[in-house]
PDB file of N, CA and C in Angstrom:
ATOM      1  N   UNK A   1     153.570  40.012  73.130  1.00  0.00           N
ATOM      2  CA  UNK A   1     152.463  40.255  72.058  1.00  0.00           C
ATOM      3  C   UNK A   1     151.306  39.203  72.783  1.00  0.00           C
ATOM      4  N   UNK A   2     149.838  39.894  73.010  1.00  0.00           N
ATOM      5  CA  UNK A   2     148.529  39.327  73.403  1.00  0.00           C
ATOM      6  C   UNK A   2     148.134  38.245  72.677  1.00  0.00           C
ATOM      7  N   UNK A   3     147.929  36.860  73.268  1.00  0.00           N
ATOM      8  CA  UNK A   3     147.162  36.080  72.451  1.00  0.00           C
ATOM      9  C   UNK A   3     146.339  35.261  73.177  1.00  0.00           C
ATOM     10  N   UNK A   4     145.155  35.212  72.914  1.00  0.00           N
ATOM     11  CA  UNK A   4     143.935  34.410  73.355  1.00  0.00           C
ATOM     12  C   UNK A   4     143.925  32.956  72.569  1.00  0.00           C
ATOM     13  N   UNK A   5     143.526  31.846  72.909  1.00  0.00           N
ATOM     14  CA  UNK A   5     143.431  30.899  72.273  1.00  0.00           C
ATOM     15  C   UNK A   5     142.442  30.135  73.320  1.00  0.00           C
ATOM     16  N   UNK A   6     140.840  30.240  72.529  1.00  0.00           N
ATOM     17  CA  UNK A   6     139.776  29.669  72.866  1.00  0.00           C
ATOM     18  C   UNK A   6     139.759  28.215  72.128  1.00  0.00           C
ATOM     19  N   UNK A   7     138.944  27.554  72.717  1.00  0.00           N
ATOM     20  CA  UNK A   7     139.211  25.808  72.443  1.00  0.00           C
ATOM     21  C   UNK A   7     137.829  25.266  73.145  1.00  0.00           C
ATOM     22  N   UNK A   8     137.184  24.364  72.900  1.00  0.00           N
ATOM     23  CA  UNK A   8     135.758  23.596  73.203  1.00  0.00           C
ATOM     24  C   UNK A   8     134.776  23.616  72.018  1.00  0.00           C
ATOM     25  N   UNK A   9     134.754  24.435  71.252  1.00  0.00           N
ATOM     26  CA  UNK A   9     133.103  24.817  70.327  1.00  0.00           C
ATOM     27  C   UNK A   9     132.996  23.299  69.631  1.00  0.00           C
ATOM     28  N   UNK A  10     131.720  23.547  69.060  1.00  0.00           N
ATOM     29  CA  UNK A  10     131.232  22.310  68.357  1.00  0.00           C
ATOM     30  C   UNK A  10     130.074  21.900  67.974  1.00  0.00           C
ATOM     31  N   UNK A  11     129.406  20.845  67.751  1.00  0.00           N
ATOM     32  CA  UNK A  11     128.022  20.853  67.255  1.00  0.00           C
ATOM     33  C   UNK A  11     127.322  19.794  68.537  1.00  0.00           C
ATOM     34  N   UNK A  12     126.574  20.028  68.912  1.00  0.00           N
ATOM     35  CA  UNK A  12     125.728  19.562  70.404  1.00  0.00           C
ATOM     36  C   UNK A  12     124.469  19.762  70.360  1.00  0.00           C
ATOM     37  N   UNK A  13     123.296  18.797  70.640  1.00  0.00           N
ATOM     38  CA  UNK A  13     121.927  18.832  70.300  1.00  0.00           C
ATOM     39  C   UNK A  13     121.264  19.637  71.291  1.00  0.00           C
ATOM     40  N   UNK A  14     120.061  20.350  71.005  1.00  0.00           N
ATOM     41  CA  UNK A  14     119.651  21.342  72.057  1.00  0.00           C
ATOM     42  C   UNK A  14     119.250  20.456  73.567  1.00  0.00           C
ATOM     43  N   UNK A  15     119.723  21.427  74.571  1.00  0.00           N
ATOM     44  CA  UNK A  15     119.698  20.940  75.710  1.00  0.00           C
ATOM     45  C   UNK A  15     120.879  20.027  76.339  1.00  0.00           C
ATOM     46  N   UNK A  16     121.982  20.313  75.284  1.00  0.00           N
ATOM     47  CA  UNK A  16     123.018  18.912  75.882  1.00  0.00           C
ATOM     48  C   UNK A  16     124.188  20.267  76.307  1.00  0.00           C
ATOM     49  N   UNK A  17     125.229  20.167  76.649  1.00  0.00           N
ATOM     50  CA  UNK A  17     126.361  21.300  77.234  1.00  0.00           C
ATOM     51  C   UNK A  17     127.590  21.459  76.513  1.00  0.00           C
ATOM     52  N   UNK A  18     128.240  22.371  76.603  1.00  0.00           N
ATOM     53  CA  UNK A  18     129.399  22.574  76.260  1.00  0.00           C
ATOM     54  C   UNK A  18     130.364  23.589  77.145  1.00  0.00           C
ATOM     55  N   UNK A  19     131.617  22.933  77.133  1.00  0.00           N
ATOM     56  CA  UNK A  19     132.625  24.033  77.999  1.00  0.00           C
ATOM     57  C   UNK A  19     133.424  24.779  77.061  1.00  0.00           C
ATOM     58  N   UNK A  20     133.497  25.770  77.164  1.00  0.00           N
ATOM     59  CA  UNK A  20     134.780  26.750  76.123  1.00  0.00           C
ATOM     60  C   UNK A  20     135.929  26.991  77.244  1.00  0.00           C
ATOM     61  N   UNK A  21     137.042  27.303  76.642  1.00  0.00           N
ATOM     62  CA  UNK A  21     138.152  27.520  77.174  1.00  0.00           C
ATOM     63  C   UNK A  21     138.759  28.638  76.430  1.00  0.00           C
ATOM     64  N   UNK A  22     139.580  29.572  77.713  1.00  0.00           N
ATOM     65  CA  UNK A  22     140.279  30.659  76.834  1.00  0.00           C
ATOM     66  C   UNK A  22     141.474  30.432  77.654  1.00  0.00           C
ATOM     67  N   UNK A  23     142.736  30.578  77.099  1.00  0.00           N
ATOM     68  CA  UNK A  23     144.056  30.582  77.593  1.00  0.00           C
ATOM     69  C   UNK A  23     144.995  32.040  77.292  1.00  0.00           C
ATOM     70  N   UNK A  24     145.182  32.536  78.041  1.00  0.00           N
ATOM     71  CA  UNK A  24     145.672  34.212  77.488  1.00  0.00           C
ATOM     72  C   UNK A  24     147.327  34.026  77.862  1.00  0.00           C
ATOM     73  N   UNK A  25     148.055  34.419  76.652  1.00  0.00           N
ATOM     74  CA  UNK A  25     149.167  34.819  77.033  1.00  0.00           C
ATOM     75  C   UNK A  25     149.586  36.235  76.778  1.00  0.00           C
ATOM     76  N   UNK A  26     150.702  36.736  77.323  1.00  0.00           N
ATOM     77  CA  UNK A  26     150.975  38.036  77.289  1.00  0.00           C
ATOM     78  C   UNK A  26     150.551  39.417  77.805  1.00  0.00           C
ATOM     79  N   UNK A  27     149.585  38.722  78.729  1.00  0.00           N
ATOM     80  CA  UNK A  27     148.950  40.046  79.611  1.00  0.00           C
ATOM     81  C   UNK A  27     149.063  39.628  80.767  1.00  0.00           C
ATOM     82  N   UNK A  28     148.990  40.264  81.860  1.00  0.00           N
ATOM     83  CA  UNK A  28     149.124  40.142  83.272  1.00  0.00           C
ATOM     84  C   UNK A  28     147.537  39.793  83.582  1.00  0.00           C
ATOM     85  N   UNK A  29     147.087  38.430  83.796  1.00  0.00           N
ATOM     86  CA  UNK A  29     145.737  37.920  83.609  1.00  0.00           C
ATOM     87  C   UNK A  29     144.827  38.491  84.647  1.00  0.00           C
ATOM     88  N   UNK A  30     145.982  38.802  85.836  1.00  0.00           N
ATOM     89  CA  UNK A  30     144.997  39.416  87.277  1.00  0.00           C
ATOM     90  C   UNK A  30     144.676  40.939  87.084  1.00  0.00           C
ATOM     91  N   UNK A  31     145.274  41.402  86.050  1.00  0.00           N
ATOM     92  CA  UNK A  31     144.980  42.646  85.694  1.00  0.00           C
ATOM     93  C   UNK A  31     143.499  42.874  84.809  1.00  0.00           C
ATOM     94  N   UNK A  32     143.313  41.672  84.196  1.00  0.00           N
ATOM     95  CA  UNK A  32     142.671  42.203  83.193  1.00  0.00           C
ATOM     96  C   UNK A  32     140.611  41.379  83.235  1.00  0.00           C
ATOM     97  N   UNK A  33     139.902  41.942  83.179  1.00  0.00           N
ATOM     98  CA  UNK A  33     138.189  42.004  83.207  1.00  0.00           C
ATOM     99  C   UNK A  33     138.078  40.650  81.790  1.00  0.00           C
ATOM    100  N   UNK A  34     137.927  39.697  82.091  1.00  0.00           N
ATOM    101  CA  UNK A  34     137.757  38.459  80.910  1.00  0.00           C
ATOM    102  C   UNK A  34     136.418  38.378  80.312  1.00  0.00           C
ATOM    103  N   UNK A  35     136.139  38.149  79.079  1.00  0.00           N
ATOM    104  CA  UNK A  35     134.579  38.125  78.719  1.00  0.00           C
ATOM    105  C   UNK A  35     134.522  37.117  77.951  1.00  0.00           C
ATOM    106  N   UNK A  36     133.368  36.641  77.466  1.00  0.00           N
ATOM    107  CA  UNK A  36     132.903  35.701  76.519  1.00  0.00           C
ATOM    108  C   UNK A  36     131.788  36.661  75.813  1.00  0.00           C
ATOM    109  N   UNK A  37     132.097  36.554  74.151  1.00  0.00           N
ATOM    110  CA  UNK A  37     131.384  37.421  73.578  1.00  0.00           C
ATOM    111  C   UNK A  37     130.695  36.494  72.231  1.00  0.00           C
ATOM    112  N   UNK A  38     129.675  37.014  71.544  1.00  0.00           N
ATOM    113  CA  UNK A  38     129.221  35.895  70.600  1.00  0.00           C
ATOM    114  C   UNK A  38     128.322  36.853  69.776  1.00  0.00           C
ATOM    115  N   UNK A  39     128.711  36.184  68.502  1.00  0.00           N
ATOM    116  CA  UNK A  39     127.948  36.632  67.099  1.00  0.00           C
ATOM    117  C   UNK A  39     127.919  35.777  65.923  1.00  0.00           C
ATOM    118  N   UNK A  40     126.492  36.109  65.526  1.00  0.00           N
ATOM    119  CA  UNK A  40     126.136  35.380  64.272  1.00  0.00           C
ATOM    120  C   UNK A  40     126.106  36.580  62.908  1.00  0.00           C
ATOM    121  N   UNK A  41     126.290  35.975  62.035  1.00  0.00           N
ATOM    122  CA  UNK A  41     126.518  36.936  60.557  1.00  0.00           C
ATOM    123  C   UNK A  41     125.164  37.519  60.775  1.00  0.00           C
ATOM    124  N   UNK A  42     125.842  39.063  60.376  1.00  0.00           N
ATOM    125  CA  UNK A  42     124.636  39.891  59.963  1.00  0.00           C
ATOM    126  C   UNK A  42     124.287  40.762  61.044  1.00  0.00           C
ATOM    127  N   UNK A  43     124.775  40.371  62.374  1.00  0.00           N
ATOM    128  CA  UNK A  43     124.488  40.823  63.907  1.00  0.00           C
ATOM    129  C   UNK A  43     125.937  41.360  64.459  1.00  0.00           C
ATOM    130  N   UNK A  44     125.098  42.331  65.411  1.00  0.00           N
ATOM    131  CA  UNK A  44     126.571  42.812  66.076  1.00  0.00           C
ATOM    132  C   UNK A  44     127.168  41.814  67.114  1.00  0.00           C
ATOM    133  N   UNK A  45     128.208  41.962  67.662  1.00  0.00           N
ATOM    134  CA  UNK A  45     128.876  40.871  68.607  1.00  0.00           C
ATOM    135  C   UNK A  45     128.040  41.327  70.053  1.00  0.00           C
ATOM    136  N   UNK A  46     128.084  40.400  70.531  1.00  0.00           N
ATOM    137  CA  UNK A  46     127.107  40.659  72.053  1.00  0.00           C
ATOM    138  C   UNK A  46     127.872  39.821  73.190  1.00  0.00           C
ATOM    139  N   UNK A  47     127.658  40.695  74.438  1.00  0.00           N
ATOM    140  CA  UNK A  47     128.228  40.249  75.633  1.00  0.00           C
ATOM    141  C   UNK A  47     127.315  39.036  76.122  1.00  0.00           C
ATOM    142  N   UNK A  48     128.163  38.020  76.220  1.00  0.00           N
ATOM    143  CA  UNK A  48     127.630  36.582  76.651  1.00  0.00           C
ATOM    144  C   UNK A  48     127.742  36.785  78.413  1.00  0.00           C
ATOM    145  N   UNK A  49     129.165  36.990  78.813  1.00  0.00           N
ATOM    146  CA  UNK A  49     129.208  36.917  80.405  1.00  0.00           C
ATOM    147  C   UNK A  49     130.489  37.487  80.512  1.00  0.00           C
ATOM    148  N   UNK A  50     131.141  38.338  81.514  1.00  0.00           N
ATOM    149  CA  UNK A  50     132.459  39.002  82.112  1.00  0.00           C
ATOM    150  C   UNK A  50     132.459  38.707  83.389  1.00  0.00           C
ATOM    151  N   UNK A  51     133.536  38.073  83.765  1.00  0.00           N
ATOM    152  CA  UNK A  51     134.092  38.087  84.937  1.00  0.00           C
ATOM    153  C   UNK A  51     135.308  39.129  85.350  1.00  0.00           C
ATOM    154  N   UNK A  52     135.314  39.609  86.159  1.00  0.00           N
ATOM    155  CA  UNK A  52     136.373  40.671  86.917  1.00  0.00           C
ATOM    156  C   UNK A  52     137.790  40.064  87.670  1.00  0.00           C
ATOM    157  N   UNK A  53     138.836  40.371  87.732  1.00  0.00           N
ATOM    158  CA  UNK A  53     139.597  40.021  88.477  1.00  0.00           C
ATOM    159  C   UNK A  53     139.430  39.437  89.759  1.00  0.00           C
ATOM    160  N   UNK A  54     138.102  40.105  90.390  1.00  0.00           N
ATOM    161  CA  UNK A  54     138.115  39.689  91.997  1.00  0.00           C
ATOM    162  C   UNK A  54     136.758  38.659  91.816  1.00  0.00           C
ATOM    163  N   UNK A  55     136.452  38.182  90.618  1.00  0.00           N
ATOM    164  CA  UNK A  55     135.878  37.012  90.619  1.00  0.00           C
ATOM    165  C   UNK A  55     134.065  37.600  90.190  1.00  0.00           C
ATOM    166  N   UNK A  56     133.614  38.925  90.165  1.00  0.00           N
ATOM    167  CA  UNK A  56     132.478  39.290  90.137  1.00  0.00           C
ATOM    168  C   UNK A  56     132.006  39.101  88.742  1.00  0.00           C
ATOM    169  N   UNK A  57     130.372  38.756  88.518  1.00  0.00           N
ATOM    170  CA  UNK A  57     130.313  37.758  87.097  1.00  0.00           C
ATOM    171  C   UNK A  57     129.105  38.951  86.857  1.00  0.00           C
ATOM    172  N   UNK A  58     128.897  39.165  85.313  1.00  0.00           N
ATOM    173  CA  UNK A  58     127.637  39.512  84.680  1.00  0.00           C
ATOM    174  C   UNK A  58     126.962  38.697  83.510  1.00  0.00           C
ATOM    175  N   UNK A  59     125.940  38.482  83.482  1.00  0.00           N
ATOM    176  CA  UNK A  59     125.359  37.687  82.179  1.00  0.00           C
ATOM    177  C   UNK A  59     124.250  38.404  81.436  1.00  0.00           C
ATOM    178  N   UNK A  60     124.753  37.708  80.112  1.00  0.00           N
ATOM    179  CA  UNK A  60     123.281  38.734  79.701  1.00  0.00           C
ATOM    180  C   UNK A  60     122.263  37.807  79.862  1.00  0.00           C
ATOM    181  N   UNK A  61     121.004  38.646  79.736  1.00  0.00           N
ATOM    182  CA  UNK A  61     119.846  37.904  80.523  1.00  0.00           C
ATOM    183  C   UNK A  61     119.204  36.594  79.686  1.00  0.00           C
ATOM    184  N   UNK A  62     119.825  36.101  78.717  1.00  0.00           N
ATOM    185  CA  UNK A  62     119.142  35.200  77.925  1.00  0.00           C
ATOM    186  C   UNK A  62     119.629  33.770  78.575  1.00  0.00           C
ATOM    187  N   UNK A  63     120.778  34.166  79.164  1.00  0.00           N
ATOM    188  CA  UNK A  63     121.882  32.953  79.492  1.00  0.00           C
ATOM    189  C   UNK A  63     122.304  32.665  80.972  1.00  0.00           C
ATOM    190  N   UNK A  64     121.411  33.510  81.752  1.00  0.00           N
ATOM    191  CA  UNK A  64     121.548  33.463  82.983  1.00  0.00           C
ATOM    192  C   UNK A  64     120.522  32.130  83.553  1.00  0.00           C
ATOM    193  N   UNK A  65     121.526  31.508  84.090  1.00  0.00           N
ATOM    194  CA  UNK A  65     120.864  29.931  85.060  1.00  0.00           C
ATOM    195  C   UNK A  65     121.168  28.965  84.122  1.00  0.00           C
ATOM    196  N   UNK A  66     122.047  28.846  83.023  1.00  0.00           N
ATOM    197  CA  UNK A  66     122.281  28.409  81.936  1.00  0.00           C
ATOM    198  C   UNK A  66     123.606  28.153  81.721  1.00  0.00           C
ATOM    199  N   UNK A  67     124.160  29.405  82.027  1.00  0.00           N
ATOM    200  CA  UNK A  67     125.863  29.484  81.500  1.00  0.00           C
ATOM    201  C   UNK A  67     126.405  29.984  82.852  1.00  0.00           C
ATOM    202  N   UNK A  68     128.031  29.328  83.062  1.00  0.00           N
ATOM    203  CA  UNK A  68     128.375  29.828  84.447  1.00  0.00           C
ATOM    204  C   UNK A  68     129.969  30.472  83.706  1.00  0.00           C
ATOM    205  N   UNK A  69     130.111  31.575  83.889  1.00  0.00           N
ATOM    206  CA  UNK A  69     131.662  31.934  83.697  1.00  0.00           C
ATOM    207  C   UNK A  69     132.706  31.753  85.142  1.00  0.00           C
ATOM    208  N   UNK A  70     133.926  31.089  84.615  1.00  0.00           N
ATOM    209  CA  UNK A  70     134.842  31.171  85.966  1.00  0.00           C
ATOM    210  C   UNK A  70     136.126  31.400  85.255  1.00  0.00           C
ATOM    211  N   UNK A  71     137.393  31.995  86.528  1.00  0.00           N
ATOM    212  CA  UNK A  71     138.573  31.984  85.873  1.00  0.00           C
ATOM    213  C   UNK A  71     139.612  31.360  86.952  1.00  0.00           C
ATOM    214  N   UNK A  72     140.704  30.910  86.362  1.00  0.00           N
ATOM    215  CA  UNK A  72     141.867  30.171  86.906  1.00  0.00           C
ATOM    216  C   UNK A  72     142.883  31.040  86.828  1.00  0.00           C
ATOM    217  N   UNK A  73     143.298  31.786  87.849  1.00  0.00           N
ATOM    218  CA  UNK A  73     144.313  32.889  87.666  1.00  0.00           C
ATOM    219  C   UNK A  73     145.671  32.200  87.899  1.00  0.00           C
ATOM    220  N   UNK A  74     145.660  31.176  88.026  1.00  0.00           N
ATOM    221  CA  UNK A  74     146.835  30.697  88.377  1.00  0.00           C
ATOM    222  C   UNK A  74     147.275  29.922  86.645  1.00  0.00           C
ATOM    223  N   UNK A  75     146.332  29.658  86.301  1.00  0.00           N
ATOM    224  CA  UNK A  75     146.537  29.028  84.425  1.00  0.00           C
ATOM    225  C   UNK A  75     146.004  30.037  83.577  1.00  0.00           C
ATOM    226  N   UNK A  76     145.999  31.673  83.999  1.00  0.00           N
ATOM    227  CA  UNK A  76     145.741  32.214  82.937  1.00  0.00           C
ATOM    228  C   UNK A  76     144.559  31.862  82.187  1.00  0.00           C
ATOM    229  N   UNK A  77     143.150  31.291  82.729  1.00  0.00           N
ATOM    230  CA  UNK A  77     142.208  30.686  81.811  1.00  0.00           C
ATOM    231  C   UNK A  77     141.452  31.079  82.332  1.00  0.00           C
ATOM    232  N   UNK A  78     139.831  31.239  81.249  1.00  0.00           N
ATOM    233  CA  UNK A  78     138.748  31.299  81.819  1.00  0.00           C
ATOM    234  C   UNK A  78     138.104  30.644  81.084  1.00  0.00           C
ATOM    235  N   UNK A  79     136.633  29.801  81.542  1.00  0.00           N
ATOM    236  CA  UNK A  79     136.023  29.198  80.910  1.00  0.00           C
ATOM    237  C   UNK A  79     134.352  29.335  80.803  1.00  0.00           C
ATOM    238  N   UNK A  80     133.735  29.056  79.960  1.00  0.00           N
ATOM    239  CA  UNK A  80     132.376  29.233  80.131  1.00  0.00           C
ATOM    240  C   UNK A  80     131.297  27.864  79.880  1.00  0.00           C
ATOM    241  N   UNK A  81     130.937  27.521  81.021  1.00  0.00           N
ATOM    242  CA  UNK A  81     130.075  26.398  80.908  1.00  0.00           C
ATOM    243  C   UNK A  81     128.708  26.391  80.402  1.00  0.00           C
ATOM    244  N   UNK A  82     128.292  25.453  79.517  1.00  0.00           N
ATOM    245  CA  UNK A  82     126.875  26.197  78.843  1.00  0.00           C
ATOM    246  C   UNK A  82     126.213  24.847  78.725  1.00  0.00           C
ATOM    247  N   UNK A  83     125.273  25.013  79.795  1.00  0.00           N
ATOM    248  CA  UNK A  83     124.178  23.630  79.906  1.00  0.00           C
ATOM    249  C   UNK A  83     122.730  24.330  79.132  1.00  0.00           C
ATOM    250  N   UNK A  84     122.159  23.157  78.952  1.00  0.00           N
ATOM    251  CA  UNK A  84     120.511  23.540  78.402  1.00  0.00           C
ATOM    252  C   UNK A  84     120.916  24.321  77.062  1.00  0.00           C
ATOM    253  N   UNK A  85     121.270  24.039  76.341  1.00  0.00           N
ATOM    254  CA  UNK A  85     121.829  24.878  75.026  1.00  0.00           C
ATOM    255  C   UNK A  85     120.688  24.837  74.346  1.00  0.00           C
ATOM    256  N   UNK A  86     120.219  26.170  73.999  1.00  0.00           N
ATOM    257  CA  UNK A  86     119.303  26.390  72.711  1.00  0.00           C
ATOM    258  C   UNK A  86     119.864  26.365  71.464  1.00  0.00           C
ATOM    259  N   UNK A  87     118.681  26.309  70.206  1.00  0.00           N
ATOM    260  CA  UNK A  87     119.745  26.973  68.776  1.00  0.00           C
ATOM    261  C   UNK A  87     119.842  28.053  68.861  1.00  0.00           C
ATOM    262  N   UNK A  88     119.397  28.724  69.418  1.00  0.00           N
ATOM    263  CA  UNK A  88     119.605  30.299  69.389  1.00  0.00           C
ATOM    264  C   UNK A  88     120.889  30.343  69.909  1.00  0.00           C
ATOM    265  N   UNK A  89     121.427  29.674  70.709  1.00  0.00           N
ATOM    266  CA  UNK A  89     123.163  29.842  71.422  1.00  0.00           C
ATOM    267  C   UNK A  89     123.804  29.665  70.304  1.00  0.00           C
ATOM    268  N   UNK A  90     123.538  29.098  68.902  1.00  0.00           N
ATOM    269  CA  UNK A  90     124.254  29.038  67.893  1.00  0.00           C
ATOM    270  C   UNK A  90     125.282  30.494  67.325  1.00  0.00           C
ATOM    271  N   UNK A  91     126.288  30.355  67.615  1.00  0.00           N
ATOM    272  CA  UNK A  91     127.186  31.484  67.242  1.00  0.00           C
ATOM    273  C   UNK A  91     128.766  31.299  67.201  1.00  0.00           C
ATOM    274  N   UNK A  92     129.540  31.971  67.092  1.00  0.00           N
ATOM    275  CA  UNK A  92     130.961  32.048  67.186  1.00  0.00           C
ATOM    276  C   UNK A  92     131.369  32.977  68.423  1.00  0.00           C
ATOM    277  N   UNK A  93     131.582  32.033  69.097  1.00  0.00           N
ATOM    278  CA  UNK A  93     132.386  32.569  70.761  1.00  0.00           C
ATOM    279  C   UNK A  93     133.555  33.085  70.500  1.00  0.00           C
ATOM    280  N   UNK A  94     133.679  34.634  71.322  1.00  0.00           N
ATOM    281  CA  UNK A  94     134.922  34.887  71.395  1.00  0.00           C
ATOM    282  C   UNK A  94     135.504  35.421  72.671  1.00  0.00           C
ATOM    283  N   UNK A  95     136.656  35.160  73.406  1.00  0.00           N
ATOM    284  CA  UNK A  95     137.449  35.637  73.956  1.00  0.00           C
ATOM    285  C   UNK A  95     137.687  36.654  74.186  1.00  0.00           C
ATOM    286  N   UNK A  96     137.758  37.743  75.364  1.00  0.00           N
ATOM    287  CA  UNK A  96     137.887  39.051  75.024  1.00  0.00           C
ATOM    288  C   UNK A  96     138.820  39.273  76.686  1.00  0.00           C
ATOM    289  N   UNK A  97     140.026  40.126  76.361  1.00  0.00           N
ATOM    290  CA  UNK A  97     140.753  40.269  77.461  1.00  0.00           C
ATOM    291  C   UNK A  97     140.975  41.832  77.509  1.00  0.00           C
ATOM    292  N   UNK A  98     140.505  42.942  78.560  1.00  0.00           N
ATOM    293  CA  UNK A  98     140.770  44.385  78.717  1.00  0.00           C
ATOM    294  C   UNK A  98     140.950  44.514  80.121  1.00  0.00           C
ATOM    295  N   UNK A  99     142.168  45.340  80.349  1.00  0.00           N
ATOM    296  CA  UNK A  99     142.563  45.792  81.336  1.00  0.00           C
ATOM    297  C   UNK A  99     141.463  46.348  81.958  1.00  0.00           C
ATOM    298  N   UNK A 100     141.225  46.198  83.415  1.00  0.00           N
ATOM    299  CA  UNK A 100     140.103  46.754  84.005  1.00  0.00           C
ATOM    300  C   UNK A 100     140.094  48.267  84.340  1.00  0.00           C
ATOM    301  N   UNK A 101     141.489  49.023  83.955  1.00  0.00           N
ATOM    302  CA  UNK A 101     140.797  50.557  84.039  1.00  0.00           C
ATOM    303  C   UNK A 101     139.979  50.578  82.335  1.00  0.00           C
ATOM    304  N   UNK A 102     139.874  50.017  81.623  1.00  0.00           N
ATOM    305  CA  UNK A 102     139.170  50.025  80.387  1.00  0.00           C
ATOM    306  C   UNK A 102     138.240  48.927  79.970  1.00  0.00           C
ATOM    307  N   UNK A 103     137.453  48.666  81.638  1.00  0.00           N
ATOM    308  CA  UNK A 103     136.385  47.593  81.284  1.00  0.00           C
ATOM    309  C   UNK A 103     135.209  47.765  80.644  1.00  0.00           C
ATOM    310  N   UNK A 104     135.222  49.283  80.185  1.00  0.00           N
ATOM    311  CA  UNK A 104     133.961  49.716  80.022  1.00  0.00           C
ATOM    312  C   UNK A 104     133.961  49.582  78.455  1.00  0.00           C
ATOM    313  N   UNK A 105     135.047  49.067  77.582  1.00  0.00           N
ATOM    314  CA  UNK A 105     134.986  49.059  76.330  1.00  0.00           C
ATOM    315  C   UNK A 105     136.270  47.816  75.929  1.00  0.00           C
ATOM    316  N   UNK A 106     135.420  46.718  75.685  1.00  0.00           N
ATOM    317  CA  UNK A 106     136.242  45.698  75.282  1.00  0.00           C
ATOM    318  C   UNK A 106     137.050  45.735  74.139  1.00  0.00           C
ATOM    319  N   UNK A 107     136.877  46.726  73.355  1.00  0.00           N
ATOM    320  CA  UNK A 107     137.661  46.908  71.945  1.00  0.00           C
ATOM    321  C   UNK A 107     138.964  47.595  72.021  1.00  0.00           C
ATOM    322  N   UNK A 108     139.135  48.145  73.552  1.00  0.00           N
ATOM    323  CA  UNK A 108     140.313  48.353  73.807  1.00  0.00           C
ATOM    324  C   UNK A 108     141.300  47.261  74.391  1.00  0.00           C
ATOM    325  N   UNK A 109     140.651  46.151  74.463  1.00  0.00           N
ATOM    326  CA  UNK A 109     141.391  44.975  75.063  1.00  0.00           C
ATOM    327  C   UNK A 109     141.881  44.108  73.505  1.00  0.00           C
ATOM    328  N   UNK A 110     142.026  42.983  73.571  1.00  0.00           N
ATOM    329  CA  UNK A 110     142.320  42.057  73.046  1.00  0.00           C
ATOM    330  C   UNK A 110     141.101  40.750  72.704  1.00  0.00           C
ATOM    331  N   UNK A 111     141.055  40.511  71.409  1.00  0.00           N
ATOM    332  CA  UNK A 111     140.185  39.189  71.130  1.00  0.00           C
ATOM    333  C   UNK A 111     141.016  37.704  70.624  1.00  0.00           C
ATOM    334  N   UNK A 112     140.088  36.853  70.820  1.00  0.00           N
ATOM    335  CA  UNK A 112     140.669  35.786  69.966  1.00  0.00           C
ATOM    336  C   UNK A 112     140.220  35.441  68.926  1.00  0.00           C
ATOM    337  N   UNK A 113     140.498  34.334  68.299  1.00  0.00           N
ATOM    338  CA  UNK A 113     139.902  34.157  66.757  1.00  0.00           C
ATOM    339  C   UNK A 113     138.470  33.797  66.946  1.00  0.00           C
ATOM    340  N   UNK A 114     138.193  33.358  68.449  1.00  0.00           N
ATOM    341  CA  UNK A 114     136.705  32.864  68.146  1.00  0.00           C
ATOM    342  C   UNK A 114     136.931  31.053  67.930  1.00  0.00           C
ATOM    343  N   UNK A 115     135.374  30.644  68.348  1.00  0.00           N
ATOM    344  CA  UNK A 115     135.254  29.193  68.103  1.00  0.00           C
ATOM    345  C   UNK A 115     133.936  28.967  67.857  1.00  0.00           C
ATOM    346  N   UNK A 116     133.246  28.212  66.874  1.00  0.00           N
ATOM    347  CA  UNK A 116     132.149  28.131  66.409  1.00  0.00           C
ATOM    348  C   UNK A 116     131.326  26.965  67.438  1.00  0.00           C
ATOM    349  N   UNK A 117     130.159  27.520  67.870  1.00  0.00           N
ATOM    350  CA  UNK A 117     129.236  26.743  68.445  1.00  0.00           C
ATOM    351  C   UNK A 117     127.803  26.495  68.331  1.00  0.00           C
ATOM    352  N   UNK A 118     127.465  25.505  67.550  1.00  0.00           N
ATOM    353  CA  UNK A 118     126.323  25.090  66.715  1.00  0.00           C
ATOM    354  C   UNK A 118     125.540  24.351  67.678  1.00  0.00           C
ATOM    355  N   UNK A 119     124.011  24.825  67.975  1.00  0.00           N
ATOM    356  CA  UNK A 119     123.292  23.841  68.444  1.00  0.00           C
ATOM    357  C   UNK A 119     122.349  23.389  67.699  1.00  0.00           C
ATOM    358  N   UNK A 120     121.813  22.018  67.415  1.00  0.00           N
ATOM    359  CA  UNK A 120     120.920  21.435  66.385  1.00  0.00           C
ATOM    360  C   UNK A 120     119.664  21.244  67.271  1.00  0.00           C
ATOM    361  N   UNK A 121     118.622  21.034  66.512  1.00  0.00           N
ATOM    362  CA  UNK A 121     117.206  21.237  67.124  1.00  0.00           C
ATOM    363  C   UNK A 121     116.610  19.934  67.123  1.00  0.00           C
TER     364      UNK A 121
END
């Protein structure tokens, strides 16, 4: 059974930093594209950042230069370092794991329960 366990969310002032972690269980981690998505009430879930098994990354435009995604294959864990946080970054952040053969559709993979990030102005 696949399980993705997120941690690291919280309340922070604008300009501050947070680091999210997602530990994966029940998957062959090195076969999976891992990603962070976020969602606010009433809006669709959106991609924040993704990282392939080989370490290639892509980011949503508004977080480029502020957020960094990384992975530790030995620990089956990914991280999202978030710097210069803005109130617009407030959302619930979800971890996703999808086998690389299905990389085009994260809904064919697994989701974590989410962790709330709130940025105050």
